[in-house]
PDB file of N, CA and C in Angstrom:
ATOM      1  N   MET A   1     -19.938   4.606  -1.055  1.00  0.00           N
ATOM      2  CA  MET A   1     -18.819   5.320  -0.952  1.00  0.00           C
ATOM      3  C   MET A   1     -18.476   5.661  -2.406  1.00  0.00           C
ATOM      4  N   ASN A   2     -18.417   6.673  -2.851  1.00  0.00           N
ATOM      5  CA  ASN A   2     -17.930   7.209  -4.015  1.00  0.00           C
ATOM      6  C   ASN A   2     -17.241   6.545  -4.970  1.00  0.00           C
ATOM      7  N   GLN A   3     -16.864   6.797  -6.021  1.00  0.00           N
ATOM      8  CA  GLN A   3     -15.663   6.107  -6.977  1.00  0.00           C
ATOM      9  C   GLN A   3     -13.936   7.266  -6.143  1.00  0.00           C
ATOM     10  N   SER A   4     -14.615   8.551  -6.331  1.00  0.00           N
ATOM     11  CA  SER A   4     -13.662   9.010  -6.347  1.00  0.00           C
ATOM     12  C   SER A   4     -12.691   9.135  -5.079  1.00  0.00           C
ATOM     13  N   LEU A   5     -13.668   8.948  -3.869  1.00  0.00           N
ATOM     14  CA  LEU A   5     -13.249   8.712  -2.944  1.00  0.00           C
ATOM     15  C   LEU A   5     -12.626   7.364  -2.473  1.00  0.00           C
ATOM     16  N   LYS A   6     -12.816   6.059  -2.717  1.00  0.00           N
ATOM     17  CA  LYS A   6     -12.299   4.993  -3.052  1.00  0.00           C
ATOM     18  C   LYS A   6     -10.796   4.954  -3.618  1.00  0.00           C
ATOM     19  N   THR A   7     -10.700   5.818  -4.919  1.00  0.00           N
ATOM     20  CA  THR A   7      -9.430   6.267  -5.481  1.00  0.00           C
ATOM     21  C   THR A   7      -8.283   7.101  -4.512  1.00  0.00           C
ATOM     22  N   LEU A   8      -8.819   7.961  -4.181  1.00  0.00           N
ATOM     23  CA  LEU A   8      -8.071   8.291  -2.952  1.00  0.00           C
ATOM     24  C   LEU A   8      -7.366   8.025  -2.279  1.00  0.00           C
ATOM     25  N   LEU A   9      -8.489   7.175  -1.358  1.00  0.00           N
ATOM     26  CA  LEU A   9      -7.858   6.251  -0.097  1.00  0.00           C
ATOM     27  C   LEU A   9      -6.436   5.150  -0.471  1.00  0.00           C
ATOM     28  N   VAL A  10      -7.092   4.654  -1.957  1.00  0.00           N
ATOM     29  CA  VAL A  10      -5.427   3.770  -2.678  1.00  0.00           C
ATOM     30  C   VAL A  10      -4.663   4.832  -2.819  1.00  0.00           C
ATOM     31  N   ILE A  11      -4.715   5.455  -3.071  1.00  0.00           N
ATOM     32  CA  ILE A  11      -3.143   6.509  -3.430  1.00  0.00           C
ATOM     33  C   ILE A  11      -3.000   6.893  -2.197  1.00  0.00           C
ATOM     34  N   ALA A  12      -3.753   7.680  -1.118  1.00  0.00           N
ATOM     35  CA  ALA A  12      -3.446   7.718   0.176  1.00  0.00           C
ATOM     36  C   ALA A  12      -2.152   6.656   0.347  1.00  0.00           C
ATOM     37  N   PHE A  13      -3.009   5.449   0.976  1.00  0.00           N
ATOM     38  CA  PHE A  13      -2.323   4.056   1.477  1.00  0.00           C
ATOM     39  C   PHE A  13      -0.817   4.322   0.392  1.00  0.00           C
ATOM     40  N   LEU A  14      -0.835   4.696  -1.029  1.00  0.00           N
ATOM     41  CA  LEU A  14       0.413   4.328  -1.780  1.00  0.00           C
ATOM     42  C   LEU A  14       1.580   5.177  -0.785  1.00  0.00           C
ATOM     43  N   ILE A  15       0.963   6.638  -0.888  1.00  0.00           N
ATOM     44  CA  ILE A  15       2.111   8.098  -0.717  1.00  0.00           C
ATOM     45  C   ILE A  15       2.591   7.399   0.719  1.00  0.00           C
ATOM     46  N   ALA A  16       1.747   6.978   1.801  1.00  0.00           N
ATOM     47  CA  ALA A  16       1.919   6.367   2.915  1.00  0.00           C
ATOM     48  C   ALA A  16       3.277   5.177   2.906  1.00  0.00           C
ATOM     49  N   ILE A  17       2.978   4.494   2.102  1.00  0.00           N
ATOM     50  CA  ILE A  17       4.048   3.229   1.990  1.00  0.00           C
ATOM     51  C   ILE A  17       5.073   3.521   1.568  1.00  0.00           C
ATOM     52  N   ILE A  18       5.691   4.747   0.311  1.00  0.00           N
ATOM     53  CA  ILE A  18       6.329   5.265  -0.634  1.00  0.00           C
ATOM     54  C   ILE A  18       7.334   5.830   0.480  1.00  0.00           C
ATOM     55  N   TRP A  19       6.704   6.813   1.575  1.00  0.00           N
ATOM     56  CA  TRP A  19       7.145   7.303   2.349  1.00  0.00           C
ATOM     57  C   TRP A  19       8.067   6.804   3.170  1.00  0.00           C
ATOM     58  N   ASN A  20       7.170   5.777   3.936  1.00  0.00           N
ATOM     59  CA  ASN A  20       7.766   4.878   4.631  1.00  0.00           C
ATOM     60  C   ASN A  20       8.669   4.382   4.222  1.00  0.00           C
ATOM     61  N   LEU A  21       8.761   3.651   3.056  1.00  0.00           N
ATOM     62  CA  LEU A  21      10.211   3.165   1.947  1.00  0.00           C
ATOM     63  C   LEU A  21      11.686   4.363   2.002  1.00  0.00           C
ATOM     64  N   GLY A  22      11.042   5.524   1.834  1.00  0.00           N
ATOM     65  CA  GLY A  22      12.073   6.729   2.348  1.00  0.00           C
ATOM     66  C   GLY A  22      12.635   6.976   3.181  1.00  0.00           C
ATOM     67  N   ALA A  23      11.896   6.813   4.481  1.00  0.00           N
ATOM     68  CA  ALA A  23      12.362   6.885   5.364  1.00  0.00           C
ATOM     69  C   ALA A  23      13.196   5.608   6.088  1.00  0.00           C
ATOM     70  N   GLY A  24      12.956   4.666   5.553  1.00  0.00           N
ATOM     71  CA  GLY A  24      13.658   3.115   6.405  1.00  0.00           C
ATOM     72  C   GLY A  24      15.387   3.704   4.868  1.00  0.00           C
ATOM     73  N   LEU A  25      15.439   4.393   4.090  1.00  0.00           N
ATOM     74  CA  LEU A  25      16.546   4.241   3.136  1.00  0.00           C
ATOM     75  C   LEU A  25      17.263   5.581   3.744  1.00  0.00           C
ATOM     76  N   TYR A  26      16.509   6.797   3.921  1.00  0.00           N
ATOM     77  CA  TYR A  26      17.047   8.028   4.983  1.00  0.00           C
ATOM     78  C   TYR A  26      17.742   7.122   6.225  1.00  0.00           C
ATOM     79  N   TYR A  27      17.156   6.758   6.644  1.00  0.00           N
ATOM     80  CA  TYR A  27      17.215   6.080   8.237  1.00  0.00           C
ATOM     81  C   TYR A  27      18.383   5.338   8.239  1.00  0.00           C
ATOM     82  N   MET A  28      18.409   4.521   7.154  1.00  0.00           N
ATOM     83  CA  MET A  28      19.667   3.168   7.183  1.00  0.00           C
ATOM     84  C   MET A  28      20.929   4.535   6.350  1.00  0.00           C
ATOM     85  N   LEU A  29      21.016   5.290   5.695  1.00  0.00           N
ATOM     86  CA  LEU A  29      22.206   6.170   5.566  1.00  0.00           C
ATOM     87  C   LEU A  29      22.629   6.841   6.566  1.00  0.00           C
ATOM     88  N   VAL A  30      21.947   7.431   7.627  1.00  0.00           N
ATOM     89  CA  VAL A  30      21.884   8.487   8.597  1.00  0.00           C
ATOM     90  C   VAL A  30      22.479   7.766   9.641  1.00  0.00           C
ATOM     91  N   ASP A  31      21.866   6.507   9.903  1.00  0.00           N
ATOM     92  CA  ASP A  31      21.913   6.072  11.394  1.00  0.00           C
ATOM     93  C   ASP A  31      23.077   5.501  11.008  1.00  0.00           C
ATOM     94  N   LYS A  32      23.360   4.497  10.165  1.00  0.00           N
ATOM     95  CA  LYS A  32      24.714   3.248  10.015  1.00  0.00           C
ATOM     96  C   LYS A  32      24.183   2.374  10.705  1.00  0.00           C
ATOM     97  N   GLY A  33      23.018   2.129  11.123  1.00  0.00           N
ATOM     98  CA  GLY A  33      22.832   0.947  12.232  1.00  0.00           C
ATOM     99  C   GLY A  33      23.141   0.966  13.418  1.00  0.00           C
ATOM    100  N   GLY A  34      23.046   2.502  13.736  1.00  0.00           N
ATOM    101  CA  GLY A  34      22.949   2.730  15.574  1.00  0.00           C
ATOM    102  C   GLY A  34      21.353   2.774  15.694  1.00  0.00           C
ATOM    103  N   SER A  35      21.009   2.816  15.309  1.00  0.00           N
ATOM    104  CA  SER A  35      19.431   2.422  15.591  1.00  0.00           C
ATOM    105  C   SER A  35      18.049   2.073  15.301  1.00  0.00           C
ATOM    106  N   LYS A  36      16.901   1.737  15.705  1.00  0.00           N
ATOM    107  CA  LYS A  36      16.265   0.640  15.105  1.00  0.00           C
ATOM    108  C   LYS A  36      15.232   1.455  14.082  1.00  0.00           C
ATOM    109  N   ARG A  37      15.164   2.997  13.680  1.00  0.00           N
ATOM    110  CA  ARG A  37      14.299   3.310  13.053  1.00  0.00           C
ATOM    111  C   ARG A  37      14.527   2.868  11.969  1.00  0.00           C
ATOM    112  N   THR A  38      15.331   2.684  10.758  1.00  0.00           N
ATOM    113  CA  THR A  38      14.987   1.586   9.701  1.00  0.00           C
ATOM    114  C   THR A  38      14.457   0.819   9.571  1.00  0.00           C
ATOM    115  N   VAL A  39      14.466  -0.072  10.665  1.00  0.00           N
ATOM    116  CA  VAL A  39      13.089  -1.678  10.993  1.00  0.00           C
ATOM    117  C   VAL A  39      11.942  -1.124  10.980  1.00  0.00           C
ATOM    118  N   ASN A  40      11.955   0.018  11.870  1.00  0.00           N
ATOM    119  CA  ASN A  40      10.865   0.304  12.033  1.00  0.00           C
ATOM    120  C   ASN A  40       9.593   0.947  11.093  1.00  0.00           C
ATOM    121  N   ALA A  41      10.311   1.668  10.324  1.00  0.00           N
ATOM    122  CA  ALA A  41       9.875   2.221   9.130  1.00  0.00           C
ATOM    123  C   ALA A  41       9.440   0.960   8.058  1.00  0.00           C
ATOM    124  N   LEU A  42      10.720   0.372   8.083  1.00  0.00           N
ATOM    125  CA  LEU A  42      10.483  -0.860   6.699  1.00  0.00           C
ATOM    126  C   LEU A  42       9.068  -1.448   7.159  1.00  0.00           C
ATOM    127  N   THR A  43       9.023  -1.607   8.469  1.00  0.00           N
ATOM    128  CA  THR A  43       7.795  -2.692   9.211  1.00  0.00           C
ATOM    129  C   THR A  43       6.589  -1.949   9.266  1.00  0.00           C
ATOM    130  N   ARG A  44       6.564  -0.641   9.387  1.00  0.00           N
ATOM    131  CA  ARG A  44       5.446   0.331   9.215  1.00  0.00           C
ATOM    132  C   ARG A  44       4.637   0.363   7.571  1.00  0.00           C
ATOM    133  N   ARG A  45       5.716   0.226   6.632  1.00  0.00           N
ATOM    134  CA  ARG A  45       5.750  -0.342   5.146  1.00  0.00           C
ATOM    135  C   ARG A  45       5.140  -1.679   4.619  1.00  0.00           C
ATOM    136  N   ILE A  46       5.742  -2.655   5.445  1.00  0.00           N
ATOM    137  CA  ILE A  46       4.913  -3.852   5.394  1.00  0.00           C
ATOM    138  C   ILE A  46       3.548  -4.000   5.477  1.00  0.00           C
ATOM    139  N   VAL A  47       3.254  -3.326   6.751  1.00  0.00           N
ATOM    140  CA  VAL A  47       1.956  -3.711   7.690  1.00  0.00           C
ATOM    141  C   VAL A  47       0.572  -2.495   6.452  1.00  0.00           C
ATOM    142  N   LEU A  48       1.788  -1.518   5.860  1.00  0.00           N
ATOM    143  CA  LEU A  48       0.492  -0.684   5.531  1.00  0.00           C
ATOM    144  C   LEU A  48       0.595  -1.472   4.111  1.00  0.00           C
ATOM    145  N   SER A  49       1.180  -1.831   3.324  1.00  0.00           N
ATOM    146  CA  SER A  49       1.160  -2.766   2.156  1.00  0.00           C
ATOM    147  C   SER A  49       0.285  -3.756   2.330  1.00  0.00           C
ATOM    148  N   VAL A  50       0.126  -4.793   3.522  1.00  0.00           N
ATOM    149  CA  VAL A  50      -0.374  -5.797   3.814  1.00  0.00           C
ATOM    150  C   VAL A  50      -2.106  -5.336   4.516  1.00  0.00           C
ATOM    151  N   ALA A  51      -2.242  -4.034   4.825  1.00  0.00           N
ATOM    152  CA  ALA A  51      -3.639  -3.490   4.660  1.00  0.00           C
ATOM    153  C   ALA A  51      -4.161  -3.365   3.471  1.00  0.00           C
ATOM    154  N   LEU A  52      -3.077  -2.546   2.430  1.00  0.00           N
ATOM    155  CA  LEU A  52      -4.372  -1.813   1.528  1.00  0.00           C
ATOM    156  C   LEU A  52      -4.748  -3.318   1.044  1.00  0.00           C
ATOM    157  N   ILE A  53      -3.527  -4.244   0.921  1.00  0.00           N
ATOM    158  CA  ILE A  53      -4.459  -5.599   0.125  1.00  0.00           C
ATOM    159  C   ILE A  53      -5.186  -5.983   0.594  1.00  0.00           C
ATOM    160  N   LEU A  54      -5.053  -6.289   1.480  1.00  0.00           N
ATOM    161  CA  LEU A  54      -6.619  -6.751   2.376  1.00  0.00           C
ATOM    162  C   LEU A  54      -7.464  -6.180   2.211  1.00  0.00           C
ATOM    163  N   ALA A  55      -7.507  -4.928   2.950  1.00  0.00           N
ATOM    164  CA  ALA A  55      -8.337  -3.520   2.388  1.00  0.00           C
ATOM    165  C   ALA A  55      -9.542  -4.114   0.660  1.00  0.00           C
ATOM    166  N   ILE A  56      -8.480  -4.222  -0.181  1.00  0.00           N
ATOM    167  CA  ILE A  56      -8.713  -4.189  -1.728  1.00  0.00           C
ATOM    168  C   ILE A  56      -9.716  -5.764  -1.493  1.00  0.00           C
ATOM    169  N   VAL A  57      -9.244  -6.622  -0.960  1.00  0.00           N
ATOM    170  CA  VAL A  57      -9.391  -7.784  -1.232  1.00  0.00           C
ATOM    171  C   VAL A  57     -11.266  -8.263  -0.736  1.00  0.00           C
ATOM    172  N   PHE A  58     -11.297  -7.394   1.046  1.00  0.00           N
ATOM    173  CA  PHE A  58     -12.359  -7.124   1.243  1.00  0.00           C
ATOM    174  C   PHE A  58     -13.871  -6.331   0.910  1.00  0.00           C
ATOM    175  N   ALA A  59     -12.527  -5.195  -0.092  1.00  0.00           N
ATOM    176  CA  ALA A  59     -14.062  -4.497  -0.869  1.00  0.00           C
ATOM    177  C   ALA A  59     -14.710  -4.788  -1.857  1.00  0.00           C
ATOM    178  N   ALA A  60     -13.370  -5.761  -2.773  1.00  0.00           N
ATOM    179  CA  ALA A  60     -13.738  -6.791  -3.987  1.00  0.00           C
ATOM    180  C   ALA A  60     -14.838  -7.918  -3.342  1.00  0.00           C
ATOM    181  N   TRP A  61     -14.721  -8.304  -2.033  1.00  0.00           N
ATOM    182  CA  TRP A  61     -15.740  -9.463  -1.700  1.00  0.00           C
ATOM    183  C   TRP A  61     -16.879  -8.756  -0.886  1.00  0.00           C
ATOM    184  N   MET A  62     -16.627  -6.994  -0.493  1.00  0.00           N
ATOM    185  CA  MET A  62     -18.308  -6.890  -0.224  1.00  0.00           C
ATOM    186  C   MET A  62     -19.126  -6.564  -1.753  1.00  0.00           C
ATOM    187  N   GLY A  63     -18.049  -6.281  -2.430  1.00  0.00           N
ATOM    188  CA  GLY A  63     -19.278  -5.728  -3.652  1.00  0.00           C
ATOM    189  C   GLY A  63     -19.056  -4.134  -4.110  1.00  0.00           C
ATOM    190  N   TRP A  64     -18.101  -3.617  -3.380  1.00  0.00           N
ATOM    191  CA  TRP A  64     -17.704  -2.607  -3.087  1.00  0.00           C
ATOM    192  C   TRP A  64     -16.903  -1.785  -4.323  1.00  0.00           C
ATOM    193  N   ILE A  65     -16.301  -2.608  -5.085  1.00  0.00           N
ATOM    194  CA  ILE A  65     -16.081  -2.448  -6.349  1.00  0.00           C
ATOM    195  C   ILE A  65     -15.630  -3.481  -6.825  1.00  0.00           C
ATOM    196  N   ASP A  66     -15.035  -3.017  -8.177  1.00  0.00           N
ATOM    197  CA  ASP A  66     -15.251  -3.997  -8.888  1.00  0.00           C
ATOM    198  C   ASP A  66     -14.501  -3.812 -10.178  1.00  0.00           C
ATOM    199  N   PHE A  67     -13.640  -5.022 -10.078  1.00  0.00           N
ATOM    200  CA  PHE A  67     -12.288  -5.629 -11.104  1.00  0.00           C
ATOM    201  C   PHE A  67     -12.984  -5.165 -12.407  1.00  0.00           C
ATOM    202  N   HIS A  68     -12.032  -4.289 -13.565  1.00  0.00           N
ATOM    203  CA  HIS A  68     -12.422  -4.312 -14.637  1.00  0.00           C
ATOM    204  C   HIS A  68     -11.999  -4.983 -15.847  1.00  0.00           C
ATOM    205  N   GLY A  69     -11.079  -5.856 -15.251  1.00  0.00           N
ATOM    206  CA  GLY A  69     -10.525  -7.124 -16.052  1.00  0.00           C
ATOM    207  C   GLY A  69      -9.936  -6.379 -17.111  1.00  0.00           C
ATOM    208  N   VAL A  70      -8.672  -6.001 -16.645  1.00  0.00           N
ATOM    209  CA  VAL A  70      -7.331  -5.784 -17.562  1.00  0.00           C
ATOM    210  C   VAL A  70      -6.609  -7.605 -17.436  1.00  0.00           C
ATOM    211  N   GLY A  71      -6.045  -7.282 -18.646  1.00  0.00           N
ATOM    212  CA  GLY A  71      -5.299  -8.673 -18.933  1.00  0.00           C
ATOM    213  C   GLY A  71      -6.453 -10.001 -19.364  1.00  0.00           C
ATOM    214  N   SER A  72      -7.688 -10.274 -18.746  1.00  0.00           N
ATOM    215  CA  SER A  72      -8.489 -10.659 -18.951  1.00  0.00           C
ATOM    216  C   SER A  72      -8.666 -11.474 -20.552  1.00  0.00           C
ATOM    217  N   ASN A  73      -8.497 -12.357 -21.566  1.00  0.00           N
ATOM    218  CA  ASN A  73      -8.798 -12.541 -22.296  1.00  0.00           C
ATOM    219  C   ASN A  73     -10.551 -12.926 -22.950  1.00  0.00           C
ATOM    220  N   PRO A  74     -11.104 -12.076 -23.399  1.00  0.00           N
ATOM    221  CA  PRO A  74     -12.578 -12.031 -24.125  1.00  0.00           C
ATOM    222  C   PRO A  74     -13.021 -12.894 -25.026  1.00  0.00           C
ATOM    223  N   GLY A  75     -11.934 -13.338 -25.562  1.00  0.00           N
ATOM    224  CA  GLY A  75     -12.440 -14.258 -27.137  1.00  0.00           C
ATOM    225  C   GLY A  75     -12.226 -15.737 -26.427  1.00  0.00           C
ATOM    226  N   ARG A  76     -11.963 -15.837 -25.136  1.00  0.00           N
ATOM    227  CA  ARG A  76     -11.900 -17.475 -24.734  1.00  0.00           C
ATOM    228  C   ARG A  76     -13.340 -18.060 -24.181  1.00  0.00           C
TER     229      ARG A  76
END
């Protein structure tokens, strides 16, 4: 899998997460507690977030992606 496809996959996950967060806010304001659409949207957001984290950890474990060392101290 090439680098641009990996980047697009992560960006697609982030867009879906933000979309569900916005949907949860919208349903919270519009429904005023009358339905479970807010809970469903926020649950989808949590599931997508956990899936993204697990996918990144798995890809790093398999060697498909490399972390670039931001925040590391090479002088130590």
